[in-house]
Amino acid sequence: MNINLTLISQALSFAVLIWFTVKFVWPPLLAAIETRQKTIADGLAAGERGKHDLEMAAKRSAEIIREAKEKAAEILAGGEKRASEIVEDAKIQAKLEGDRIKAGANAEIEQEVFRAKEQLRTQVSAIALAGAGKILGREIDAKAHNDLLEKLIAEI
């Protein structure tokens, strides 16, 4: 065999192989590579978006927690304020009730003192009349007796 013919046939076979590879093998490989690159790029972009979304969610959750703490503090302050108002109202009501009970007791004491004085006046006037009757040695009539009692009561 001729070496030239062998080289030419090998070159021709190699050219056919290159043409076949460029025409039929290379496009699917490039398509697969481009698809893989696109998938990787999309995955990286999604990872970046996820990382950004995670940071935003962390910031938002921190803001929500801060707002919740502030609201809880406001609610506690309002509750403490309301509790102190209730205590103050209860103190005022208790003082008013105590004053009312004290005034009622004072009025009752005054009535008892008045009744005791009236009873004492009646007893003193009866004793005085009995003593006067003994001194005079005679009985006073009923009308004169009542008049004297009323005068004594008025004086006492």
N, C-alpha and C. Protein backbone atom coordinates (compact mmCIF):
# COMPACT_ATOMS: atom_id res chain seq x y z
N MET A 1 0.80 -1.15 0.00
CA MET A 1 0.00 0.00 0.00
C MET A 1 0.86 1.23 0.00
N ASN A 2 0.20 2.14 -0.50
CA ASN A 2 0.90 3.40 -0.69
C ASN A 2 0.65 4.25 0.56
N ILE A 3 1.75 4.81 1.03
CA ILE A 3 1.67 5.62 2.24
C ILE A 3 0.87 6.88 1.99
N ASN A 4 0.95 7.41 0.81
CA ASN A 4 0.20 8.62 0.51
C ASN A 4 -1.29 8.33 0.54
N LEU A 5 -1.66 7.21 -0.04
CA LEU A 5 -3.06 6.85 -0.05
C LEU A 5 -3.56 6.61 1.36
N THR A 6 -2.76 6.06 2.19
CA THR A 6 -3.12 5.81 3.57
C THR A 6 -3.29 7.13 4.31
N LEU A 7 -2.38 8.04 4.09
CA LEU A 7 -2.49 9.34 4.75
C LEU A 7 -3.69 10.11 4.25
N ILE A 8 -3.93 10.04 2.97
CA ILE A 8 -5.08 10.77 2.42
C ILE A 8 -6.36 10.14 2.93
N SER A 9 -6.44 8.81 2.97
CA SER A 9 -7.65 8.16 3.46
C SER A 9 -7.85 8.44 4.95
N GLN A 10 -6.76 8.47 5.70
CA GLN A 10 -6.87 8.79 7.12
C GLN A 10 -7.29 10.24 7.30
N ALA A 11 -6.75 11.17 6.48
CA ALA A 11 -7.14 12.57 6.56
C ALA A 11 -8.60 12.73 6.19
N LEU A 12 -9.01 12.00 5.13
CA LEU A 12 -10.39 12.06 4.70
C LEU A 12 -11.31 11.48 5.79
N SER A 13 -10.93 10.38 6.40
CA SER A 13 -11.72 9.78 7.49
C SER A 13 -11.79 10.73 8.68
N PHE A 14 -10.66 11.35 8.94
CA PHE A 14 -10.64 12.31 10.05
C PHE A 14 -11.53 13.50 9.75
N ALA A 15 -11.53 13.99 8.52
CA ALA A 15 -12.38 15.12 8.13
C ALA A 15 -13.84 14.74 8.23
N VAL A 16 -14.19 13.48 7.80
CA VAL A 16 -15.57 13.01 7.91
C VAL A 16 -15.95 12.91 9.38
N LEU A 17 -15.04 12.43 10.19
CA LEU A 17 -15.30 12.33 11.62
C LEU A 17 -15.52 13.71 12.22
N ILE A 18 -14.71 14.67 11.84
CA ILE A 18 -14.87 16.04 12.34
C ILE A 18 -16.20 16.62 11.86
N TRP A 19 -16.50 16.41 10.57
CA TRP A 19 -17.78 16.93 10.06
C TRP A 19 -18.94 16.27 10.79
N PHE A 20 -18.92 14.94 10.99
CA PHE A 20 -19.98 14.22 11.70
C PHE A 20 -20.10 14.70 13.13
N THR A 21 -18.97 14.92 13.78
CA THR A 21 -18.97 15.38 15.16
C THR A 21 -19.55 16.78 15.25
N VAL A 22 -19.13 17.68 14.33
CA VAL A 22 -19.63 19.06 14.35
C VAL A 22 -21.10 19.08 14.01
N LYS A 23 -21.54 18.21 13.08
CA LYS A 23 -22.92 18.25 12.61
C LYS A 23 -23.87 17.57 13.58
N PHE A 24 -23.51 16.41 14.15
CA PHE A 24 -24.46 15.62 14.91
C PHE A 24 -24.14 15.47 16.40
N VAL A 25 -22.89 15.48 16.79
CA VAL A 25 -22.52 15.24 18.18
C VAL A 25 -22.38 16.56 18.94
N TRP A 26 -21.72 17.50 18.32
CA TRP A 26 -21.43 18.77 19.00
C TRP A 26 -22.68 19.57 19.38
N PRO A 27 -23.71 19.76 18.55
CA PRO A 27 -24.88 20.54 18.96
C PRO A 27 -25.59 19.99 20.20
N PRO A 28 -25.86 18.68 20.33
CA PRO A 28 -26.49 18.21 21.57
C PRO A 28 -25.60 18.42 22.78
N LEU A 29 -24.26 18.27 22.59
CA LEU A 29 -23.36 18.51 23.72
C LEU A 29 -23.40 19.97 24.13
N LEU A 30 -23.36 20.88 23.14
CA LEU A 30 -23.45 22.31 23.46
C LEU A 30 -24.79 22.65 24.12
N ALA A 31 -25.86 22.05 23.60
CA ALA A 31 -27.19 22.29 24.18
C ALA A 31 -27.23 21.80 25.63
N ALA A 32 -26.64 20.62 25.88
CA ALA A 32 -26.62 20.08 27.24
C ALA A 32 -25.76 20.96 28.15
N ILE A 33 -24.64 21.43 27.62
CA ILE A 33 -23.77 22.31 28.41
C ILE A 33 -24.47 23.63 28.70
N GLU A 34 -25.13 24.21 27.67
CA GLU A 34 -25.85 25.48 27.88
C GLU A 34 -27.00 25.29 28.86
N THR A 35 -27.72 24.18 28.75
CA THR A 35 -28.82 23.90 29.67
C THR A 35 -28.28 23.77 31.09
N ARG A 36 -27.17 23.06 31.22
CA ARG A 36 -26.57 22.89 32.54
C ARG A 36 -26.11 24.22 33.09
N GLN A 37 -25.48 25.08 32.25
CA GLN A 37 -25.04 26.40 32.70
C GLN A 37 -26.23 27.26 33.12
N LYS A 38 -27.31 27.16 32.32
CA LYS A 38 -28.52 27.94 32.66
C LYS A 38 -29.10 27.44 33.98
N THR A 39 -29.14 26.12 34.18
CA THR A 39 -29.67 25.56 35.42
C THR A 39 -28.82 26.00 36.61
N ILE A 40 -27.50 25.96 36.43
CA ILE A 40 -26.61 26.39 37.50
C ILE A 40 -26.79 27.87 37.80
N ALA A 41 -26.88 28.69 36.73
CA ALA A 41 -27.08 30.13 36.92
C ALA A 41 -28.41 30.40 37.61
N ASP A 42 -29.47 29.69 37.20
CA ASP A 42 -30.77 29.86 37.84
C ASP A 42 -30.71 29.43 39.31
N GLY A 43 -29.99 28.34 39.57
CA GLY A 43 -29.85 27.88 40.96
C GLY A 43 -29.10 28.89 41.81
N LEU A 44 -28.02 29.46 41.25
CA LEU A 44 -27.27 30.49 41.99
C LEU A 44 -28.13 31.73 42.22
N ALA A 45 -28.87 32.12 41.18
CA ALA A 45 -29.76 33.29 41.34
C ALA A 45 -30.83 33.00 42.38
N ALA A 46 -31.40 31.79 42.34
CA ALA A 46 -32.41 31.43 43.34
C ALA A 46 -31.80 31.40 44.73
N GLY A 47 -30.57 30.92 44.83
CA GLY A 47 -29.89 30.93 46.13
C GLY A 47 -29.69 32.35 46.64
N GLU A 48 -29.28 33.24 45.75
CA GLU A 48 -29.11 34.65 46.14
C GLU A 48 -30.45 35.26 46.54
N ARG A 49 -31.50 34.96 45.76
CA ARG A 49 -32.83 35.48 46.11
C ARG A 49 -33.28 34.91 47.46
N GLY A 50 -33.02 33.62 47.66
CA GLY A 50 -33.38 32.99 48.93
C GLY A 50 -32.62 33.61 50.09
N LYS A 51 -31.33 33.86 49.86
CA LYS A 51 -30.52 34.49 50.90
C LYS A 51 -31.04 35.90 51.20
N HIS A 52 -31.36 36.64 50.14
CA HIS A 52 -31.90 38.00 50.31
C HIS A 52 -33.25 37.95 51.02
N ASP A 53 -34.12 37.00 50.58
CA ASP A 53 -35.43 36.85 51.22
C ASP A 53 -35.28 36.46 52.69
N LEU A 54 -34.30 35.61 52.99
CA LEU A 54 -34.06 35.21 54.37
C LEU A 54 -33.62 36.40 55.22
N GLU A 55 -32.74 37.22 54.66
CA GLU A 55 -32.31 38.42 55.38
C GLU A 55 -33.49 39.36 55.61
N MET A 56 -34.32 39.53 54.57
CA MET A 56 -35.49 40.40 54.71
C MET A 56 -36.46 39.84 55.75
N ALA A 57 -36.65 38.52 55.73
CA ALA A 57 -37.55 37.89 56.70
C ALA A 57 -37.00 38.05 58.11
N ALA A 58 -35.68 37.91 58.25
CA ALA A 58 -35.08 38.08 59.58
C ALA A 58 -35.26 39.50 60.07
N LYS A 59 -35.07 40.49 59.17
CA LYS A 59 -35.27 41.89 59.55
C LYS A 59 -36.73 42.13 59.92
N ARG A 60 -37.63 41.58 59.11
CA ARG A 60 -39.06 41.79 59.36
C ARG A 60 -39.48 41.12 60.67
N SER A 61 -38.96 39.91 60.91
CA SER A 61 -39.32 39.23 62.16
C SER A 61 -38.76 39.99 63.36
N ALA A 62 -37.55 40.56 63.23
CA ALA A 62 -36.99 41.36 64.32
C ALA A 62 -37.86 42.59 64.55
N GLU A 63 -38.34 43.20 63.47
CA GLU A 63 -39.21 44.38 63.59
C GLU A 63 -40.54 44.00 64.26
N ILE A 64 -41.09 42.87 63.86
CA ILE A 64 -42.36 42.41 64.45
C ILE A 64 -42.17 42.11 65.93
N ILE A 65 -41.06 41.48 66.28
CA ILE A 65 -40.79 41.18 67.70
C ILE A 65 -40.62 42.47 68.49
N ARG A 66 -39.91 43.45 67.91
CA ARG A 66 -39.73 44.72 68.60
C ARG A 66 -41.08 45.41 68.81
N GLU A 67 -41.92 45.42 67.76
CA GLU A 67 -43.24 46.03 67.88
C GLU A 67 -44.08 45.30 68.93
N ALA A 68 -43.98 43.97 68.94
CA ALA A 68 -44.75 43.19 69.92
C ALA A 68 -44.29 43.50 71.34
N LYS A 69 -42.96 43.64 71.52
CA LYS A 69 -42.45 43.98 72.85
C LYS A 69 -42.92 45.36 73.27
N GLU A 70 -42.90 46.32 72.33
CA GLU A 70 -43.37 47.67 72.65
C GLU A 70 -44.85 47.65 73.01
N LYS A 71 -45.63 46.91 72.24
CA LYS A 71 -47.06 46.83 72.51
C LYS A 71 -47.31 46.16 73.86
N ALA A 72 -46.54 45.11 74.15
CA ALA A 72 -46.69 44.43 75.45
C ALA A 72 -46.33 45.39 76.59
N ALA A 73 -45.27 46.18 76.39
CA ALA A 73 -44.90 47.16 77.42
C ALA A 73 -46.00 48.19 77.60
N GLU A 74 -46.60 48.64 76.48
CA GLU A 74 -47.70 49.60 76.58
C GLU A 74 -48.89 48.99 77.31
N ILE A 75 -49.19 47.74 76.98
CA ILE A 75 -50.32 47.07 77.64
C ILE A 75 -50.05 46.91 79.13
N LEU A 76 -48.82 46.53 79.48
CA LEU A 76 -48.48 46.41 80.90
C LEU A 76 -48.58 47.75 81.61
N ALA A 77 -48.07 48.81 80.96
CA ALA A 77 -48.15 50.14 81.57
C ALA A 77 -49.60 50.56 81.74
N GLY A 78 -50.42 50.28 80.72
CA GLY A 78 -51.84 50.60 80.82
C GLY A 78 -52.52 49.81 81.93
N GLY A 79 -52.14 48.54 82.06
CA GLY A 79 -52.71 47.71 83.12
C GLY A 79 -52.31 48.19 84.50
N GLU A 80 -51.03 48.57 84.63
CA GLU A 80 -50.58 49.10 85.92
C GLU A 80 -51.27 50.41 86.24
N LYS A 81 -51.44 51.25 85.22
CA LYS A 81 -52.13 52.52 85.43
C LYS A 81 -53.57 52.28 85.84
N ARG A 82 -54.23 51.34 85.13
CA ARG A 82 -55.63 51.03 85.44
C ARG A 82 -55.73 50.44 86.85
N ALA A 83 -54.77 49.59 87.21
CA ALA A 83 -54.78 49.00 88.55
C ALA A 83 -54.64 50.08 89.62
N SER A 84 -53.74 51.04 89.38
CA SER A 84 -53.58 52.11 90.37
C SER A 84 -54.83 52.98 90.43
N GLU A 85 -55.48 53.19 89.25
CA GLU A 85 -56.73 53.95 89.26
C GLU A 85 -57.80 53.21 90.04
N ILE A 86 -57.87 51.90 89.86
CA ILE A 86 -58.87 51.11 90.58
C ILE A 86 -58.60 51.16 92.08
N VAL A 87 -57.32 51.08 92.46
CA VAL A 87 -56.96 51.15 93.87
C VAL A 87 -57.35 52.51 94.44
N GLU A 88 -57.04 53.58 93.69
CA GLU A 88 -57.38 54.92 94.15
C GLU A 88 -58.90 55.08 94.26
N ASP A 89 -59.64 54.58 93.26
CA ASP A 89 -61.09 54.64 93.32
C ASP A 89 -61.62 53.87 94.53
N ALA A 90 -61.02 52.71 94.78
CA ALA A 90 -61.46 51.90 95.92
C ALA A 90 -61.18 52.64 97.23
N LYS A 91 -60.01 53.31 97.29
CA LYS A 91 -59.69 54.08 98.50
C LYS A 91 -60.71 55.21 98.70
N ILE A 92 -61.02 55.90 97.61
CA ILE A 92 -61.99 57.00 97.70
C ILE A 92 -63.35 56.46 98.13
N GLN A 93 -63.78 55.35 97.50
CA GLN A 93 -65.08 54.77 97.85
C GLN A 93 -65.08 54.30 99.31
N ALA A 94 -63.97 53.71 99.74
CA ALA A 94 -63.89 53.24 101.13
C ALA A 94 -63.95 54.43 102.09
N LYS A 95 -63.25 55.51 101.75
CA LYS A 95 -63.29 56.71 102.61
C LYS A 95 -64.69 57.28 102.66
N LEU A 96 -65.35 57.36 101.48
CA LEU A 96 -66.72 57.87 101.46
C LEU A 96 -67.65 56.97 102.27
N GLU A 97 -67.49 55.66 102.12
CA GLU A 97 -68.33 54.73 102.86
C GLU A 97 -68.04 54.85 104.36
N GLY A 98 -66.75 54.99 104.70
CA GLY A 98 -66.39 55.17 106.11
C GLY A 98 -66.98 56.46 106.67
N ASP A 99 -66.89 57.53 105.90
CA ASP A 99 -67.49 58.81 106.34
C ASP A 99 -69.00 58.68 106.51
N ARG A 100 -69.64 57.96 105.57
CA ARG A 100 -71.09 57.78 105.65
C ARG A 100 -71.45 56.95 106.89
N ILE A 101 -70.69 55.88 107.13
CA ILE A 101 -70.96 55.05 108.32
C ILE A 101 -70.70 55.85 109.58
N LYS A 102 -69.62 56.65 109.57
CA LYS A 102 -69.29 57.48 110.74
C LYS A 102 -70.39 58.51 111.00
N ALA A 103 -70.89 59.14 109.90
CA ALA A 103 -71.96 60.12 110.06
C ALA A 103 -73.22 59.45 110.60
N GLY A 104 -73.52 58.23 110.09
CA GLY A 104 -74.69 57.50 110.59
C GLY A 104 -74.52 57.14 112.07
N ALA A 105 -73.31 56.72 112.43
CA ALA A 105 -73.06 56.37 113.83
C ALA A 105 -73.17 57.61 114.72
N ASN A 106 -72.62 58.73 114.23
CA ASN A 106 -72.72 59.98 115.01
C ASN A 106 -74.17 60.39 115.18
N ALA A 107 -74.97 60.26 114.11
CA ALA A 107 -76.38 60.62 114.20
C ALA A 107 -77.10 59.70 115.20
N GLU A 108 -76.76 58.42 115.14
CA GLU A 108 -77.37 57.48 116.07
C GLU A 108 -76.97 57.78 117.51
N ILE A 109 -75.69 58.13 117.70
CA ILE A 109 -75.21 58.48 119.04
C ILE A 109 -75.94 59.73 119.54
N GLU A 110 -76.10 60.72 118.66
CA GLU A 110 -76.81 61.94 119.06
C GLU A 110 -78.25 61.63 119.44
N GLN A 111 -78.88 60.73 118.67
CA GLN A 111 -80.27 60.36 119.00
C GLN A 111 -80.33 59.65 120.36
N GLU A 112 -79.37 58.75 120.60
CA GLU A 112 -79.34 58.05 121.87
C GLU A 112 -79.09 59.03 123.02
N VAL A 113 -78.17 59.99 122.79
CA VAL A 113 -77.90 60.99 123.82
C VAL A 113 -79.16 61.81 124.08
N PHE A 114 -79.86 62.20 123.00
CA PHE A 114 -81.09 62.98 123.16
C PHE A 114 -82.14 62.18 123.91
N ARG A 115 -82.28 60.89 123.55
CA ARG A 115 -83.26 60.04 124.26
C ARG A 115 -82.88 59.89 125.74
N ALA A 116 -81.58 59.69 125.99
CA ALA A 116 -81.13 59.55 127.38
C ALA A 116 -81.40 60.83 128.16
N LYS A 117 -81.13 62.00 127.53
CA LYS A 117 -81.40 63.28 128.22
C LYS A 117 -82.88 63.44 128.50
N GLU A 118 -83.71 63.08 127.50
CA GLU A 118 -85.16 63.20 127.71
C GLU A 118 -85.62 62.26 128.83
N GLN A 119 -85.08 61.07 128.80
CA GLN A 119 -85.45 60.12 129.85
C GLN A 119 -84.95 60.61 131.22
N LEU A 120 -83.76 61.16 131.23
CA LEU A 120 -83.21 61.70 132.47
C LEU A 120 -84.04 62.88 132.95
N ARG A 121 -84.43 63.75 132.04
CA ARG A 121 -85.27 64.90 132.42
C ARG A 121 -86.57 64.42 133.02
N THR A 122 -87.16 63.43 132.36
CA THR A 122 -88.43 62.90 132.87
C THR A 122 -88.25 62.32 134.27
N GLN A 123 -87.18 61.56 134.46
CA GLN A 123 -86.94 60.95 135.77
C GLN A 123 -86.61 62.02 136.81
N VAL A 124 -85.80 63.01 136.42
CA VAL A 124 -85.45 64.07 137.36
C VAL A 124 -86.71 64.86 137.76
N SER A 125 -87.55 65.14 136.75
CA SER A 125 -88.76 65.91 137.09
C SER A 125 -89.69 65.09 137.96
N ALA A 126 -89.76 63.78 137.72
CA ALA A 126 -90.61 62.94 138.56
C ALA A 126 -90.07 62.91 139.98
N ILE A 127 -88.73 62.80 140.09
CA ILE A 127 -88.12 62.79 141.43
C ILE A 127 -88.34 64.15 142.11
N ALA A 128 -88.19 65.21 141.33
CA ALA A 128 -88.37 66.54 141.89
C ALA A 128 -89.80 66.74 142.36
N LEU A 129 -90.76 66.28 141.58
CA LEU A 129 -92.16 66.42 141.99
C LEU A 129 -92.46 65.56 143.22
N ALA A 130 -91.89 64.37 143.22
CA ALA A 130 -92.11 63.51 144.37
C ALA A 130 -91.51 64.16 145.61
N GLY A 131 -90.32 64.73 145.43
CA GLY A 131 -89.68 65.41 146.56
C GLY A 131 -90.47 66.64 146.98
N ALA A 132 -90.95 67.40 146.00
CA ALA A 132 -91.74 68.59 146.33
C ALA A 132 -93.05 68.19 147.00
N GLY A 133 -93.63 67.09 146.52
CA GLY A 133 -94.88 66.61 147.11
C GLY A 133 -94.67 66.20 148.56
N LYS A 134 -93.56 65.60 148.85
CA LYS A 134 -93.27 65.18 150.21
C LYS A 134 -92.99 66.40 151.08
N ILE A 135 -92.30 67.34 150.47
CA ILE A 135 -91.99 68.55 151.23
C ILE A 135 -93.28 69.31 151.53
N LEU A 136 -94.12 69.43 150.59
CA LEU A 136 -95.35 70.17 150.78
C LEU A 136 -96.36 69.36 151.59
N GLY A 137 -96.21 68.08 151.54
CA GLY A 137 -97.06 67.21 152.33
C GLY A 137 -98.42 67.03 151.72
N ARG A 138 -98.56 67.32 150.53
CA ARG A 138 -99.86 67.13 149.90
C ARG A 138 -99.66 66.76 148.44
N GLU A 139 -100.74 66.33 147.87
CA GLU A 139 -100.71 65.89 146.47
C GLU A 139 -101.08 67.06 145.61
N ILE A 140 -100.33 67.19 144.44
CA ILE A 140 -100.62 68.26 143.49
C ILE A 140 -101.58 67.67 142.46
N ASP A 141 -102.50 68.48 141.97
CA ASP A 141 -103.45 67.95 141.00
C ASP A 141 -102.73 67.66 139.67
N ALA A 142 -103.36 66.89 138.80
CA ALA A 142 -102.75 66.38 137.58
C ALA A 142 -102.39 67.49 136.61
N LYS A 143 -103.28 68.50 136.50
CA LYS A 143 -103.00 69.58 135.55
C LYS A 143 -101.82 70.40 136.03
N ALA A 144 -101.79 70.72 137.26
CA ALA A 144 -100.67 71.47 137.82
C ALA A 144 -99.41 70.62 137.74
N HIS A 145 -99.57 69.36 137.96
CA HIS A 145 -98.43 68.43 137.89
C HIS A 145 -97.82 68.46 136.49
N ASN A 146 -98.64 68.35 135.44
CA ASN A 146 -98.16 68.39 134.04
C ASN A 146 -97.51 69.72 133.72
N ASP A 147 -98.12 70.82 134.18
CA ASP A 147 -97.52 72.13 133.92
C ASP A 147 -96.15 72.23 134.58
N LEU A 148 -96.04 71.77 135.80
CA LEU A 148 -94.75 71.81 136.49
C LEU A 148 -93.73 70.93 135.78
N LEU A 149 -94.16 69.75 135.32
CA LEU A 149 -93.25 68.86 134.60
C LEU A 149 -92.72 69.51 133.34
N GLU A 150 -93.60 70.14 132.57
CA GLU A 150 -93.16 70.79 131.34
C GLU A 150 -92.20 71.93 131.61
N LYS A 151 -92.43 72.69 132.68
CA LYS A 151 -91.52 73.78 133.03
C LYS A 151 -90.16 73.22 133.44
N LEU A 152 -90.17 72.16 134.24
CA LEU A 152 -88.90 71.55 134.66
C LEU A 152 -88.14 70.98 133.47
N ILE A 153 -88.86 70.34 132.58
CA ILE A 153 -88.20 69.78 131.39
C ILE A 153 -87.57 70.87 130.56
N ALA A 154 -88.28 71.97 130.41
CA ALA A 154 -87.76 73.09 129.63
C ALA A 154 -86.53 73.68 130.28
N GLU A 155 -86.51 73.74 131.61
CA GLU A 155 -85.36 74.29 132.32
C GLU A 155 -84.15 73.36 132.27
N ILE A 156 -84.43 72.10 132.35
CA ILE A 156 -83.32 71.12 132.36
C ILE A 156 -82.87 70.94 130.95
